[in-house]
Amino acid sequence: MLLRQLTRRCGELSDMQRQQVISLNSGQKDELAEALLDFRGMEDFQHWLQR
């Protein structure tokens, strides 16, 4: 579900981005799910991954 929401909000994810999301622990996935509500596009997602 999280990957579908990210794709809808940010556009198509690369294989590397998909793998990064899959490898997050459950707490990080919860944080990402909340953060993506404020994402305006791929740049916001990339910044989140880098932190």
PDB file of N, CA and C in Angstrom:
ATOM      1  N   MET A   1       0.822  -1.193   0.000  1.00  0.00           N
ATOM      2  CA  MET A   1       0.000   0.000   0.000  1.00  0.00           C
ATOM      3  C   MET A   1       0.867   1.258   0.000  1.00  0.00           C
ATOM      4  N   LEU A   2       1.904   1.250   0.802  1.00  0.00           N
ATOM      5  CA  LEU A   2       2.790   2.414   0.886  1.00  0.00           C
ATOM      6  C   LEU A   2       3.445   2.713  -0.464  1.00  0.00           C
ATOM      7  N   LEU A   3       3.880   1.690  -1.156  1.00  0.00           N
ATOM      8  CA  LEU A   3       4.485   1.893  -2.476  1.00  0.00           C
ATOM      9  C   LEU A   3       3.470   2.473  -3.464  1.00  0.00           C
ATOM     10  N   ARG A   4       2.243   2.025  -3.401  1.00  0.00           N
ATOM     11  CA  ARG A   4       1.208   2.561  -4.303  1.00  0.00           C
ATOM     12  C   ARG A   4       0.932   4.026  -3.996  1.00  0.00           C
ATOM     13  N   GLN A   5       0.886   4.361  -2.703  1.00  0.00           N
ATOM     14  CA  GLN A   5       0.645   5.755  -2.318  1.00  0.00           C
ATOM     15  C   GLN A   5       1.796   6.655  -2.764  1.00  0.00           C
ATOM     16  N   LEU A   6       3.021   6.173  -2.591  1.00  0.00           N
ATOM     17  CA  LEU A   6       4.177   6.951  -3.036  1.00  0.00           C
ATOM     18  C   LEU A   6       4.157   7.161  -4.538  1.00  0.00           C
ATOM     19  N   THR A   7       3.828   6.121  -5.293  1.00  0.00           N
ATOM     20  CA  THR A   7       3.766   6.237  -6.745  1.00  0.00           C
ATOM     21  C   THR A   7       2.701   7.239  -7.162  1.00  0.00           C
ATOM     22  N   ARG A   8       1.595   7.204  -6.496  1.00  0.00           N
ATOM     23  CA  ARG A   8       0.514   8.133  -6.838  1.00  0.00           C
ATOM     24  C   ARG A   8       0.898   9.570  -6.526  1.00  0.00           C
ATOM     25  N   ARG A   9       1.586   9.788  -5.403  1.00  0.00           N
ATOM     26  CA  ARG A   9       1.953  11.135  -4.988  1.00  0.00           C
ATOM     27  C   ARG A   9       3.189  11.660  -5.718  1.00  0.00           C
ATOM     28  N   CYS A  10       4.173  10.787  -5.942  1.00  0.00           N
ATOM     29  CA  CYS A  10       5.491  11.222  -6.417  1.00  0.00           C
ATOM     30  C   CYS A  10       5.807  10.829  -7.843  1.00  0.00           C
ATOM     31  N   GLY A  11       5.075   9.891  -8.401  1.00  0.00           N
ATOM     32  CA  GLY A  11       5.389   9.378  -9.727  1.00  0.00           C
ATOM     33  C   GLY A  11       6.065   8.022  -9.608  1.00  0.00           C
ATOM     34  N   GLU A  12       6.432   7.481 -10.744  1.00  0.00           N
ATOM     35  CA  GLU A  12       7.017   6.138 -10.781  1.00  0.00           C
ATOM     36  C   GLU A  12       8.330   6.102 -10.009  1.00  0.00           C
ATOM     37  N   LEU A  13       8.462   5.107  -9.132  1.00  0.00           N
ATOM     38  CA  LEU A  13       9.668   4.931  -8.336  1.00  0.00           C
ATOM     39  C   LEU A  13      10.661   4.043  -9.077  1.00  0.00           C
ATOM     40  N   SER A  14      11.943   4.337  -8.885  1.00  0.00           N
ATOM     41  CA  SER A  14      12.972   3.477  -9.462  1.00  0.00           C
ATOM     42  C   SER A  14      13.028   2.177  -8.661  1.00  0.00           C
ATOM     43  N   ASP A  15      13.674   1.177  -9.243  1.00  0.00           N
ATOM     44  CA  ASP A  15      13.839  -0.091  -8.520  1.00  0.00           C
ATOM     45  C   ASP A  15      14.596   0.127  -7.217  1.00  0.00           C
ATOM     46  N   MET A  16      15.589   1.011  -7.247  1.00  0.00           N
ATOM     47  CA  MET A  16      16.368   1.299  -6.048  1.00  0.00           C
ATOM     48  C   MET A  16      15.500   1.946  -4.972  1.00  0.00           C
ATOM     49  N   GLN A  17      14.652   2.881  -5.361  1.00  0.00           N
ATOM     50  CA  GLN A  17      13.762   3.521  -4.391  1.00  0.00           C
ATOM     51  C   GLN A  17      12.779   2.517  -3.811  1.00  0.00           C
ATOM     52  N   ARG A  18      12.246   1.662  -4.654  1.00  0.00           N
ATOM     53  CA  ARG A  18      11.331   0.624  -4.164  1.00  0.00           C
ATOM     54  C   ARG A  18      12.025  -0.259  -3.132  1.00  0.00           C
ATOM     55  N   GLN A  19      13.250  -0.655  -3.415  1.00  0.00           N
ATOM     56  CA  GLN A  19      13.998  -1.514  -2.497  1.00  0.00           C
ATOM     57  C   GLN A  19      14.285  -0.794  -1.186  1.00  0.00           C
ATOM     58  N   GLN A  20      14.571   0.508  -1.268  1.00  0.00           N
ATOM     59  CA  GLN A  20      14.819   1.276  -0.050  1.00  0.00           C
ATOM     60  C   GLN A  20      13.578   1.293   0.829  1.00  0.00           C
ATOM     61  N   VAL A  21      12.423   1.465   0.230  1.00  0.00           N
ATOM     62  CA  VAL A  21      11.174   1.478   1.002  1.00  0.00           C
ATOM     63  C   VAL A  21      10.915   0.102   1.604  1.00  0.00           C
ATOM     64  N   ILE A  22      11.099  -0.929   0.812  1.00  0.00           N
ATOM     65  CA  ILE A  22      10.857  -2.299   1.293  1.00  0.00           C
ATOM     66  C   ILE A  22      11.760  -2.629   2.475  1.00  0.00           C
ATOM     67  N   SER A  23      12.984  -2.106   2.459  1.00  0.00           N
ATOM     68  CA  SER A  23      13.944  -2.449   3.511  1.00  0.00           C
ATOM     69  C   SER A  23      13.776  -1.633   4.791  1.00  0.00           C
ATOM     70  N   LEU A  24      12.881  -0.645   4.793  1.00  0.00           N
ATOM     71  CA  LEU A  24      12.640   0.131   6.016  1.00  0.00           C
ATOM     72  C   LEU A  24      12.020  -0.751   7.090  1.00  0.00           C
ATOM     73  N   ASN A  25      12.329  -0.455   8.348  1.00  0.00           N
ATOM     74  CA  ASN A  25      11.655  -1.174   9.427  1.00  0.00           C
ATOM     75  C   ASN A  25      10.246  -0.599   9.590  1.00  0.00           C
ATOM     76  N   SER A  26       9.429  -1.224  10.389  1.00  0.00           N
ATOM     77  CA  SER A  26       8.014  -0.823  10.491  1.00  0.00           C
ATOM     78  C   SER A  26       7.860   0.601  11.021  1.00  0.00           C
ATOM     79  N   GLY A  27       8.712   1.013  11.949  1.00  0.00           N
ATOM     80  CA  GLY A  27       8.637   2.380  12.463  1.00  0.00           C
ATOM     81  C   GLY A  27       8.957   3.406  11.394  1.00  0.00           C
ATOM     82  N   GLN A  28       9.966   3.112  10.571  1.00  0.00           N
ATOM     83  CA  GLN A  28      10.330   4.009   9.479  1.00  0.00           C
ATOM     84  C   GLN A  28       9.235   4.063   8.427  1.00  0.00           C
ATOM     85  N   LYS A  29       8.592   2.932   8.172  1.00  0.00           N
ATOM     86  CA  LYS A  29       7.481   2.922   7.212  1.00  0.00           C
ATOM     87  C   LYS A  29       6.325   3.763   7.721  1.00  0.00           C
ATOM     88  N   ASP A  30       6.062   3.712   9.019  1.00  0.00           N
ATOM     89  CA  ASP A  30       5.014   4.560   9.599  1.00  0.00           C
ATOM     90  C   ASP A  30       5.367   6.032   9.436  1.00  0.00           C
ATOM     91  N   GLU A  31       6.634   6.385   9.689  1.00  0.00           N
ATOM     92  CA  GLU A  31       7.078   7.769   9.524  1.00  0.00           C
ATOM     93  C   GLU A  31       6.923   8.215   8.073  1.00  0.00           C
ATOM     94  N   LEU A  32       7.306   7.353   7.152  1.00  0.00           N
ATOM     95  CA  LEU A  32       7.187   7.683   5.734  1.00  0.00           C
ATOM     96  C   LEU A  32       5.728   7.844   5.337  1.00  0.00           C
ATOM     97  N   ALA A  33       4.871   6.968   5.808  1.00  0.00           N
ATOM     98  CA  ALA A  33       3.449   7.053   5.475  1.00  0.00           C
ATOM     99  C   ALA A  33       2.870   8.389   5.929  1.00  0.00           C
ATOM    100  N   GLU A  34       3.303   8.880   7.081  1.00  0.00           N
ATOM    101  CA  GLU A  34       2.820  10.166   7.576  1.00  0.00           C
ATOM    102  C   GLU A  34       3.442  11.317   6.783  1.00  0.00           C
ATOM    103  N   ALA A  35       4.739  11.218   6.516  1.00  0.00           N
ATOM    104  CA  ALA A  35       5.439  12.286   5.799  1.00  0.00           C
ATOM    105  C   ALA A  35       4.919  12.451   4.379  1.00  0.00           C
ATOM    106  N   LEU A  36       4.567  11.362   3.735  1.00  0.00           N
ATOM    107  CA  LEU A  36       4.144  11.456   2.331  1.00  0.00           C
ATOM    108  C   LEU A  36       2.863  12.256   2.163  1.00  0.00           C
ATOM    109  N   LEU A  37       2.114  12.439   3.219  1.00  0.00           N
ATOM    110  CA  LEU A  37       0.918  13.282   3.125  1.00  0.00           C
ATOM    111  C   LEU A  37       1.282  14.726   2.786  1.00  0.00           C
ATOM    112  N   ASP A  38       2.509  15.135   3.129  1.00  0.00           N
ATOM    113  CA  ASP A  38       2.967  16.490   2.849  1.00  0.00           C
ATOM    114  C   ASP A  38       3.845  16.586   1.608  1.00  0.00           C
ATOM    115  N   PHE A  39       4.205  15.461   1.008  1.00  0.00           N
ATOM    116  CA  PHE A  39       5.050  15.478  -0.181  1.00  0.00           C
ATOM    117  C   PHE A  39       4.310  16.152  -1.324  1.00  0.00           C
ATOM    118  N   ARG A  40       5.072  16.963  -2.085  1.00  0.00           N
ATOM    119  CA  ARG A  40       4.515  17.596  -3.276  1.00  0.00           C
ATOM    120  C   ARG A  40       5.010  16.934  -4.542  1.00  0.00           C
ATOM    121  N   GLY A  41       5.978  16.027  -4.395  1.00  0.00           N
ATOM    122  CA  GLY A  41       6.514  15.346  -5.559  1.00  0.00           C
ATOM    123  C   GLY A  41       7.737  14.524  -5.209  1.00  0.00           C
ATOM    124  N   MET A  42       8.413  14.055  -6.239  1.00  0.00           N
ATOM    125  CA  MET A  42       9.555  13.168  -6.083  1.00  0.00           C
ATOM    126  C   MET A  42      10.676  13.807  -5.275  1.00  0.00           C
ATOM    127  N   GLU A  43      10.896  15.090  -5.428  1.00  0.00           N
ATOM    128  CA  GLU A  43      11.978  15.768  -4.711  1.00  0.00           C
ATOM    129  C   GLU A  43      11.794  15.628  -3.194  1.00  0.00           C
ATOM    130  N   ASP A  44      10.573  15.789  -2.722  1.00  0.00           N
ATOM    131  CA  ASP A  44      10.314  15.643  -1.285  1.00  0.00           C
ATOM    132  C   ASP A  44      10.605  14.218  -0.820  1.00  0.00           C
ATOM    133  N   PHE A  45      10.238  13.244  -1.621  1.00  0.00           N
ATOM    134  CA  PHE A  45      10.514  11.850  -1.275  1.00  0.00           C
ATOM    135  C   PHE A  45      12.012  11.594  -1.241  1.00  0.00           C
ATOM    136  N   GLN A  46      12.741  12.089  -2.213  1.00  0.00           N
ATOM    137  CA  GLN A  46      14.182  11.904  -2.252  1.00  0.00           C
ATOM    138  C   GLN A  46      14.853  12.546  -1.048  1.00  0.00           C
ATOM    139  N   HIS A  47      14.406  13.723  -0.657  1.00  0.00           N
ATOM    140  CA  HIS A  47      14.950  14.359   0.533  1.00  0.00           C
ATOM    141  C   HIS A  47      14.662  13.526   1.782  1.00  0.00           C
ATOM    142  N   TRP A  48      13.485  12.954   1.859  1.00  0.00           N
ATOM    143  CA  TRP A  48      13.148  12.123   3.015  1.00  0.00           C
ATOM    144  C   TRP A  48      14.072  10.911   3.071  1.00  0.00           C
ATOM    145  N   LEU A  49      14.321  10.280   1.953  1.00  0.00           N
ATOM    146  CA  LEU A  49      15.208   9.111   1.923  1.00  0.00           C
ATOM    147  C   LEU A  49      16.632   9.454   2.347  1.00  0.00           C
ATOM    148  N   GLN A  50      17.073  10.642   2.037  1.00  0.00           N
ATOM    149  CA  GLN A  50      18.449  11.039   2.338  1.00  0.00           C
ATOM    150  C   GLN A  50      18.666  11.357   3.812  1.00  0.00           C
ATOM    151  N   ARG A  51      17.625  11.635   4.533  1.00  0.00           N
ATOM    152  CA  ARG A  51      17.822  12.009   5.958  1.00  0.00           C
ATOM    153  C   ARG A  51      18.014  10.830   6.844  1.00  0.00           C
TER     154      ARG A  51
END
